[in-house]
């Protein structure tokens, strides 16, 4: 019997003290960000400087939008990518507070409802954690019914006593018009502790990368990996629309990253024409960035189409190594799932469920961790 209960090593809190840093009473936050005062609570826009928004450029620096690409260059992206960039997959709001409760108000933008293979909460809900480092606790009992409406939600959430770091994962298949957090007026509020991995880990790919079809945001494989490594998540998954466009590669080239997981395979009808150029655009901008090149998951014995697409991706890796790239790794999706009962890992023989996304993270994690340690 296996007695090792920690598949990824023991969870560890941040070595920094939770009480270190600058805090202000919620009532002292700049009035510019106060949206309401009611019943002893002060409702603050998450754009206030005491909250950290990660996984996207800060809205105040990106056209006042929660947007995954460069909002000023919207017309340079494909219509599908420009629209799906409104979805906030990978984005988080983090802060520290000693409040014993908080009220969350979210106004959604373009929530993609009616996807019958996907739970509403997985598509346009949020989820919430407390804790630091890789040791974070899911406050699930308080959040199960949050995403009842694709337009507007409000819910009050009890928090553990004492100073806590709060992490809120934003919707995968919905966008955010506004996010407001209500705290007791006398509650202390401050920025979260620094991450163990300084720069975000970036991901590019299809609906699978965007999070389809998990039951809640934290269960997509990119969030799992970033939670395990205590890193911010830069998710550029575009449902049905990851064609290897140079406009996306050029955007990635402008971003600071600690590593890049290139999970781009499934959607493209011209993989052999776009895969290597996409890699090369990112590599030219980041000569020493760890790049993991991943193939698409499948739930059956490898078929000719799977093999043909893998051959294209292997060729990118071969060329990269031949050109002297010592920071590129190949992850074969055949390693994702055991051979038995592979149907357990997918919703529709295409999109991984929570278990499938976990297994993807489990296979990618040791390669990614090793690459990050090598660069440290």
Protein backbone atom coordinates (compact mmCIF):
# COMPACT_ATOMS: atom_id res chain seq x y z
CA UNK A 1 0.00 0.00 0.00
CA UNK A 2 1.24 3.48 -0.90
CA UNK A 3 1.74 5.58 2.22
CA UNK A 4 2.99 8.74 0.49
CA UNK A 5 0.03 11.10 0.65
CA UNK A 6 1.88 14.00 -1.01
CA UNK A 7 2.10 13.37 -4.76
CA UNK A 8 3.92 16.65 -5.36
CA UNK A 9 5.83 17.04 -2.12
CA UNK A 10 4.51 18.42 1.14
CA UNK A 11 2.57 21.68 1.00
CA UNK A 12 4.45 24.64 2.43
CA UNK A 13 3.35 28.06 3.61
CA UNK A 14 5.30 31.10 2.50
CA UNK A 15 8.44 31.61 4.64
CA UNK A 16 7.38 35.25 5.02
CA UNK A 17 5.19 36.25 7.96
CA UNK A 18 1.56 36.81 7.07
CA UNK A 19 1.50 40.00 9.18
CA UNK A 20 4.56 41.60 7.55
CA UNK A 21 3.96 44.51 5.20
CA UNK A 22 1.78 47.59 4.93
CA UNK A 23 -1.89 47.44 5.88
CA UNK A 24 -4.59 50.09 5.99
CA UNK A 25 -8.09 50.02 7.45
CA UNK A 26 -10.60 49.37 4.69
CA UNK A 27 -12.16 52.73 5.54
CA UNK A 28 -8.89 54.48 4.59
CA UNK A 29 -8.77 53.20 1.00
CA UNK A 30 -8.82 56.03 -1.56
CA UNK A 31 -12.44 57.17 -2.01
CA UNK A 32 -11.95 56.79 -5.78
CA UNK A 33 -12.39 53.04 -5.26
CA UNK A 34 -15.29 53.11 -2.77
CA UNK A 35 -18.53 51.94 -4.40
CA UNK A 36 -20.84 51.87 -1.37
CA UNK A 37 -21.02 51.90 2.42
CA UNK A 38 -23.74 49.73 3.87
CA UNK A 39 -24.44 47.86 7.13
CA UNK A 40 -20.94 48.47 8.49
CA UNK A 41 -19.28 47.29 5.27
CA UNK A 42 -17.32 49.31 2.78
CA UNK A 43 -17.49 48.06 -0.81
CA UNK A 44 -14.20 48.50 -2.66
CA UNK A 45 -13.46 48.09 -6.34
CA UNK A 46 -10.79 45.44 -6.87
CA UNK A 47 -8.91 48.02 -8.93
CA UNK A 48 -7.82 49.64 -5.61
CA UNK A 49 -4.05 49.39 -5.06
CA UNK A 50 -4.51 47.18 -1.97
CA UNK A 51 -5.65 44.32 -4.25
CA UNK A 52 -3.36 42.52 -6.69
CA UNK A 53 -4.81 41.44 -10.03
CA UNK A 54 -2.67 38.82 -11.77
CA UNK A 55 -2.89 36.69 -14.89
CA UNK A 56 -3.82 39.72 -17.01
CA UNK A 57 -2.43 43.19 -17.36
CA UNK A 58 -3.97 45.44 -14.76
CA UNK A 59 -7.18 46.90 -16.21
CA UNK A 60 -6.01 50.46 -15.46
CA UNK A 61 -3.08 49.77 -17.80
CA UNK A 62 -5.16 48.01 -20.46
CA UNK A 63 -8.05 50.22 -21.49
CA UNK A 64 -9.85 49.76 -18.16
CA UNK A 65 -10.76 46.23 -19.21
CA UNK A 66 -10.26 42.82 -17.62
CA UNK A 67 -8.73 41.52 -20.87
CA UNK A 68 -6.22 38.75 -21.58
CA UNK A 69 -4.56 40.39 -24.60
CA UNK A 70 -3.53 43.96 -25.44
CA UNK A 71 -6.83 45.85 -25.54
CA UNK A 72 -5.31 48.59 -27.71
CA UNK A 73 -4.54 46.02 -30.44
CA UNK A 74 -7.88 44.23 -30.42
CA UNK A 75 -8.29 44.51 -34.20
CA UNK A 76 -4.96 42.76 -34.81
CA UNK A 77 -6.28 39.51 -33.33
CA UNK A 78 -8.67 37.09 -34.98
CA UNK A 79 -12.31 37.89 -34.16
CA UNK A 80 -12.52 34.70 -32.07
CA UNK A 81 -9.39 35.48 -30.08
CA UNK A 82 -10.38 39.12 -29.60
CA UNK A 83 -13.75 38.02 -28.21
CA UNK A 84 -12.46 35.16 -26.05
CA UNK A 85 -9.80 37.44 -24.58
CA UNK A 86 -12.68 38.97 -22.59
CA UNK A 87 -12.84 35.69 -20.65
CA UNK A 88 -10.67 35.93 -17.54
CA UNK A 89 -9.22 32.38 -17.48
CA UNK A 90 -6.14 32.31 -15.26
CA UNK A 91 -6.76 35.71 -13.72
CA UNK A 92 -6.80 36.10 -9.94
CA UNK A 93 -7.50 38.76 -7.33
CA UNK A 94 -5.33 38.41 -4.23
CA UNK A 95 -5.03 40.37 -0.99
CA UNK A 96 -4.55 40.03 2.77
CA UNK A 97 -7.11 40.93 5.38
CA UNK A 98 -8.06 40.19 8.98
CA UNK A 99 -11.78 40.46 8.15
CA UNK A 100 -13.91 37.58 9.38
CA UNK A 101 -16.26 37.93 6.44
CA UNK A 102 -16.35 39.52 3.02
CA UNK A 103 -19.03 40.16 0.45
CA UNK A 104 -18.23 39.65 -3.22
CA UNK A 105 -20.13 41.45 -5.97
CA UNK A 106 -19.33 40.51 -9.54
CA UNK A 107 -20.80 41.87 -12.74
CA UNK A 108 -20.00 39.49 -15.58
CA UNK A 109 -19.27 40.35 -19.17
CA UNK A 110 -20.12 38.05 -22.06
CA UNK A 111 -20.57 34.92 -19.95
CA UNK A 112 -20.79 31.91 -22.28
CA UNK A 113 -23.89 30.16 -20.96
CA UNK A 114 -25.76 27.11 -22.22
CA UNK A 115 -22.74 24.82 -22.71
CA UNK A 116 -24.41 21.60 -21.67
CA UNK A 117 -21.15 19.64 -21.31
CA UNK A 118 -19.87 22.22 -18.82
CA UNK A 119 -21.19 23.26 -15.41
CA UNK A 120 -22.24 26.90 -15.11
CA UNK A 121 -19.87 27.36 -12.21
CA UNK A 122 -17.01 25.91 -14.21
CA UNK A 123 -17.78 28.18 -17.13
CA UNK A 124 -18.51 31.52 -15.48
CA UNK A 125 -18.19 31.01 -11.74
CA UNK A 126 -15.37 31.84 -9.36
CA UNK A 127 -13.72 30.03 -6.48
CA UNK A 128 -11.84 31.19 -3.43
CA UNK A 129 -8.89 30.10 -1.27
CA UNK A 130 -7.07 31.26 1.83
CA UNK A 131 -3.45 30.48 2.62
CA UNK A 132 0.06 31.22 1.35
CA UNK A 133 2.78 29.46 -0.59
CA UNK A 134 1.62 26.07 -1.83
CA UNK A 135 -0.58 25.52 1.22
CA UNK A 136 -3.96 26.98 0.36
CA UNK A 137 -7.39 25.99 1.63
CA UNK A 138 -10.45 25.92 -0.61
CA UNK A 139 -13.52 27.59 0.92
CA UNK A 140 -15.85 25.40 -1.07
CA UNK A 141 -18.85 25.17 1.22
CA UNK A 142 -19.36 28.91 0.89
CA UNK A 143 -19.06 29.13 -2.87
CA UNK A 144 -21.02 26.23 -4.39
CA UNK A 145 -23.95 28.28 -5.67
CA UNK A 146 -22.16 31.48 -6.58
CA UNK A 147 -22.65 31.36 -10.36
CA UNK A 148 -26.44 31.12 -10.44
CA UNK A 149 -26.70 34.09 -12.81
CA UNK A 150 -24.51 34.90 -15.81
CA UNK A 151 -25.07 38.62 -15.22
CA UNK A 152 -24.65 39.65 -11.56
CA UNK A 153 -23.87 37.91 -8.29
CA UNK A 154 -23.43 38.80 -4.66
CA UNK A 155 -22.46 36.49 -1.85
CA UNK A 156 -21.11 36.87 1.67
CA UNK A 157 -18.28 34.52 2.63
CA UNK A 158 -16.99 33.71 6.11
CA UNK A 159 -13.21 33.80 6.47
CA UNK A 160 -10.98 32.09 9.04
CA UNK A 161 -10.02 34.28 11.98
CA UNK A 162 -6.78 36.23 11.97
CA UNK A 163 -4.80 37.68 9.09
CA UNK A 164 -5.41 35.68 5.91
CA UNK A 165 -4.27 35.83 2.32
CA UNK A 166 -7.29 35.50 0.01
CA UNK A 167 -7.08 34.24 -3.58
CA UNK A 168 -10.06 34.54 -5.92
CA UNK A 169 -9.95 32.72 -9.26
CA UNK A 170 -11.92 34.62 -11.91
CA UNK A 171 -14.23 33.00 -14.51
CA UNK A 172 -12.87 30.79 -17.28
CA UNK A 173 -15.59 31.33 -19.89
CA UNK A 174 -16.93 34.66 -18.75
CA UNK A 175 -15.50 38.12 -18.42
CA UNK A 176 -15.65 40.71 -15.67
CA UNK A 177 -17.17 44.16 -15.99
CA UNK A 178 -16.58 44.96 -12.34
CA UNK A 179 -15.46 43.16 -9.21
CA UNK A 180 -16.30 44.71 -5.84
CA UNK A 181 -15.30 43.37 -2.42
CA UNK A 182 -17.13 44.41 0.73
CA UNK A 183 -15.19 44.35 4.02
CA UNK A 184 -15.92 45.61 7.53
CA UNK A 185 -14.82 49.23 7.67
CA UNK A 186 -12.32 48.54 10.46
CA UNK A 187 -10.79 45.47 8.74
CA UNK A 188 -7.14 45.72 7.76
CA UNK A 189 -6.32 45.32 4.07
CA UNK A 190 -3.01 44.87 2.24
CA UNK A 191 -1.28 43.32 -0.74
CA UNK A 192 -0.57 39.56 -0.80
CA UNK A 193 2.81 38.06 -0.02
CA UNK A 194 5.25 37.69 -2.95
CA UNK A 195 5.06 34.49 -4.99
CA UNK A 196 7.82 31.87 -4.77
CA UNK A 197 8.11 32.05 -8.57
CA UNK A 198 8.57 35.72 -9.38
CA UNK A 199 7.20 35.82 -12.95
CA UNK A 200 4.02 34.13 -14.22
CA UNK A 201 3.95 30.79 -15.98
CA UNK A 202 2.33 31.23 -19.40
CA UNK A 203 0.12 28.74 -21.25
CA UNK A 204 -1.16 28.82 -24.83
CA UNK A 205 -3.65 26.42 -26.37
CA UNK A 206 -7.25 25.46 -27.03
CA UNK A 207 -10.43 25.11 -24.97
CA UNK A 208 -8.63 22.48 -22.91
CA UNK A 209 -6.07 25.12 -21.92
CA UNK A 210 -8.83 27.65 -21.24
CA UNK A 211 -10.28 25.20 -18.72
CA UNK A 212 -12.91 23.18 -20.55
CA UNK A 213 -14.56 21.35 -18.93
CA UNK A 214 -13.76 21.62 -15.22
CA UNK A 215 -16.33 22.13 -12.48
CA UNK A 216 -14.65 25.28 -11.12
CA UNK A 217 -11.73 27.50 -12.17
CA UNK A 218 -9.01 26.20 -9.83
CA UNK A 219 -9.32 22.70 -11.30
CA UNK A 220 -7.91 23.51 -14.73
CA UNK A 221 -4.42 22.14 -15.19
CA UNK A 222 -2.70 25.52 -15.52
CA UNK A 223 -4.11 26.71 -12.17
CA UNK A 224 -3.16 23.37 -10.57
CA UNK A 225 0.44 23.72 -11.77
CA UNK A 226 0.69 27.33 -10.64
CA UNK A 227 -0.77 26.45 -7.25
CA UNK A 228 1.80 23.67 -6.85
CA UNK A 229 4.64 26.04 -7.73
CA UNK A 230 3.23 29.21 -6.10
CA UNK A 231 3.23 31.20 -9.34
CA UNK A 232 0.88 33.52 -11.18
CA UNK A 233 -0.93 31.99 -14.15
CA UNK A 234 -0.95 33.66 -17.59
CA UNK A 235 -3.56 31.61 -19.44
CA UNK A 236 -3.97 32.17 -23.18
CA UNK A 237 -6.30 29.29 -23.93
CA UNK A 238 -8.74 30.15 -26.75
CA UNK A 239 -11.65 27.78 -27.12
CA UNK A 240 -11.78 26.36 -30.65
CA UNK A 241 -9.48 29.15 -31.79
CA UNK A 242 -5.85 28.28 -31.01
CA UNK A 243 -4.59 28.35 -34.60
CA UNK A 244 -1.04 29.38 -33.83
CA UNK A 245 -1.60 32.96 -34.92
CA UNK A 246 1.47 35.15 -35.00
CA UNK A 247 -0.50 37.94 -33.31
CA UNK A 248 -0.74 35.77 -30.17
CA UNK A 249 2.90 34.71 -30.38
CA UNK A 250 3.91 38.36 -30.68
CA UNK A 251 1.83 39.25 -27.64
CA UNK A 252 3.46 36.46 -25.63
CA UNK A 253 6.84 37.73 -26.75
CA UNK A 254 6.12 41.02 -24.93
CA UNK A 255 5.24 39.39 -21.60
CA UNK A 256 7.59 38.55 -18.78
CA UNK A 257 7.39 34.83 -17.96
CA UNK A 258 9.21 32.28 -15.84
CA UNK A 259 8.23 29.46 -18.22
CA UNK A 260 5.97 28.84 -21.21
CA UNK A 261 3.81 25.75 -21.70
CA UNK A 262 2.98 25.56 -25.42
CA UNK A 263 -0.11 23.37 -25.40
CA UNK A 264 -1.04 24.36 -28.94
CA UNK A 265 -2.12 21.47 -31.13
CA UNK A 266 -5.77 20.53 -31.18
CA UNK A 267 -7.52 23.31 -33.12
CA UNK A 268 -5.11 24.07 -35.91
CA UNK A 269 -5.79 22.84 -39.44
CA UNK A 270 -2.31 23.96 -40.54
CA UNK A 271 -0.17 22.80 -37.64
CA UNK A 272 2.81 22.03 -39.86
CA UNK A 273 2.88 25.66 -41.09
CA UNK A 274 2.38 27.46 -37.79
CA UNK A 275 3.83 25.38 -34.96
CA UNK A 276 7.54 26.06 -35.41
CA UNK A 277 7.09 29.76 -36.30
CA UNK A 278 4.99 30.26 -33.16
CA UNK A 279 7.70 28.67 -31.02
CA UNK A 280 10.40 30.68 -32.79
CA UNK A 281 8.68 34.03 -32.22
CA UNK A 282 8.53 33.42 -28.47
CA UNK A 283 12.02 31.96 -28.34
CA UNK A 284 13.57 34.91 -30.21
CA UNK A 285 12.21 37.29 -27.55
CA UNK A 286 13.14 35.02 -24.62
CA UNK A 287 16.38 33.15 -25.46
CA UNK A 288 16.67 31.34 -22.11
CA UNK A 289 13.01 30.88 -21.20
CA UNK A 290 12.02 27.28 -20.34
CA UNK A 291 9.53 26.20 -23.01
CA UNK A 292 7.52 22.99 -22.60
CA UNK A 293 5.93 21.77 -25.83
CA UNK A 294 2.92 19.56 -25.15
CA UNK A 295 0.70 17.41 -27.39
CA UNK A 296 -3.09 17.11 -27.11
CA UNK A 297 -4.77 14.61 -24.76
CA UNK A 298 -6.69 11.65 -26.16
CA UNK A 299 -8.74 8.91 -24.54
CA UNK A 300 -8.07 5.87 -26.72
CA UNK A 301 -5.13 4.05 -28.25
CA UNK A 302 -2.98 6.42 -30.30
CA UNK A 303 -4.48 6.86 -33.77
CA UNK A 304 -2.91 7.94 -37.04
CA UNK A 305 -4.13 11.53 -36.64
CA UNK A 306 -2.65 11.71 -33.14
CA UNK A 307 0.65 10.39 -34.44
CA UNK A 308 0.71 12.76 -37.41
CA UNK A 309 0.17 15.80 -35.19
CA UNK A 310 2.78 14.58 -32.72
CA UNK A 311 5.26 14.21 -35.58
CA UNK A 312 4.83 17.89 -36.44
CA UNK A 313 5.41 18.87 -32.82
CA UNK A 314 8.40 16.56 -32.45
CA UNK A 315 9.87 18.22 -35.53
CA UNK A 316 9.63 21.62 -33.84
CA UNK A 317 11.50 20.21 -30.84
CA UNK A 318 14.08 18.52 -33.09
CA UNK A 319 14.75 21.76 -34.97
CA UNK A 320 14.97 23.72 -31.74
CA UNK A 321 17.54 21.33 -30.27
CA UNK A 322 19.49 21.27 -33.54
CA UNK A 323 19.66 25.07 -33.39
CA UNK A 324 21.17 24.85 -29.91
CA UNK A 325 18.10 25.39 -27.75
CA UNK A 326 18.89 23.81 -24.37
CA UNK A 327 15.76 25.20 -22.70
CA UNK A 328 13.07 23.29 -24.61
CA UNK A 329 11.26 20.19 -23.33
CA UNK A 330 8.78 17.80 -24.97
CA UNK A 331 5.82 16.38 -23.02
CA UNK A 332 4.05 13.46 -24.70
CA UNK A 333 0.32 13.38 -23.94
CA UNK A 334 0.46 9.59 -24.00
CA UNK A 335 1.77 10.00 -20.44
CA UNK A 336 -1.35 11.82 -19.22
CA UNK A 337 -3.70 8.92 -18.57
CA UNK A 338 -3.37 5.23 -17.63
CA UNK A 339 -4.29 2.75 -20.34
CA UNK A 340 -7.32 1.45 -18.44
CA UNK A 341 -10.69 3.23 -18.43
CA UNK A 342 -9.49 6.35 -20.19
CA UNK A 343 -13.09 7.45 -20.58
CA UNK A 344 -12.98 8.43 -16.89
CA UNK A 345 -10.82 11.43 -17.71
CA UNK A 346 -13.05 13.22 -20.24
CA UNK A 347 -16.50 14.77 -20.43
CA UNK A 348 -17.08 14.05 -24.12
CA UNK A 349 -14.03 12.09 -25.33
CA UNK A 350 -12.48 15.47 -26.09
CA UNK A 351 -12.43 17.82 -23.09
CA UNK A 352 -10.85 16.58 -19.86
CA UNK A 353 -12.94 16.74 -16.71
CA UNK A 354 -11.48 17.67 -13.30
CA UNK A 355 -9.75 14.31 -13.04
CA UNK A 356 -8.38 14.59 -16.57
CA UNK A 357 -6.98 18.08 -15.97
CA UNK A 358 -5.42 16.87 -12.71
CA UNK A 359 -3.73 14.01 -14.54
CA UNK A 360 -2.42 16.43 -17.17
CA UNK A 361 -0.94 18.59 -14.40
CA UNK A 362 0.53 15.50 -12.75
CA UNK A 363 2.39 14.56 -15.94
CA UNK A 364 3.60 18.07 -16.75
CA UNK A 365 4.58 19.08 -13.21
CA UNK A 366 7.93 17.24 -12.85
CA UNK A 367 9.15 18.55 -16.21
CA UNK A 368 8.11 22.09 -15.40
CA UNK A 369 9.50 22.01 -11.87
CA UNK A 370 12.84 20.71 -13.11
CA UNK A 371 13.00 23.40 -15.80
CA UNK A 372 12.29 26.15 -13.28
CA UNK A 373 14.87 24.82 -10.82
CA UNK A 374 17.46 24.68 -13.59
CA UNK A 375 16.88 28.35 -14.36
CA UNK A 376 16.82 29.49 -10.70
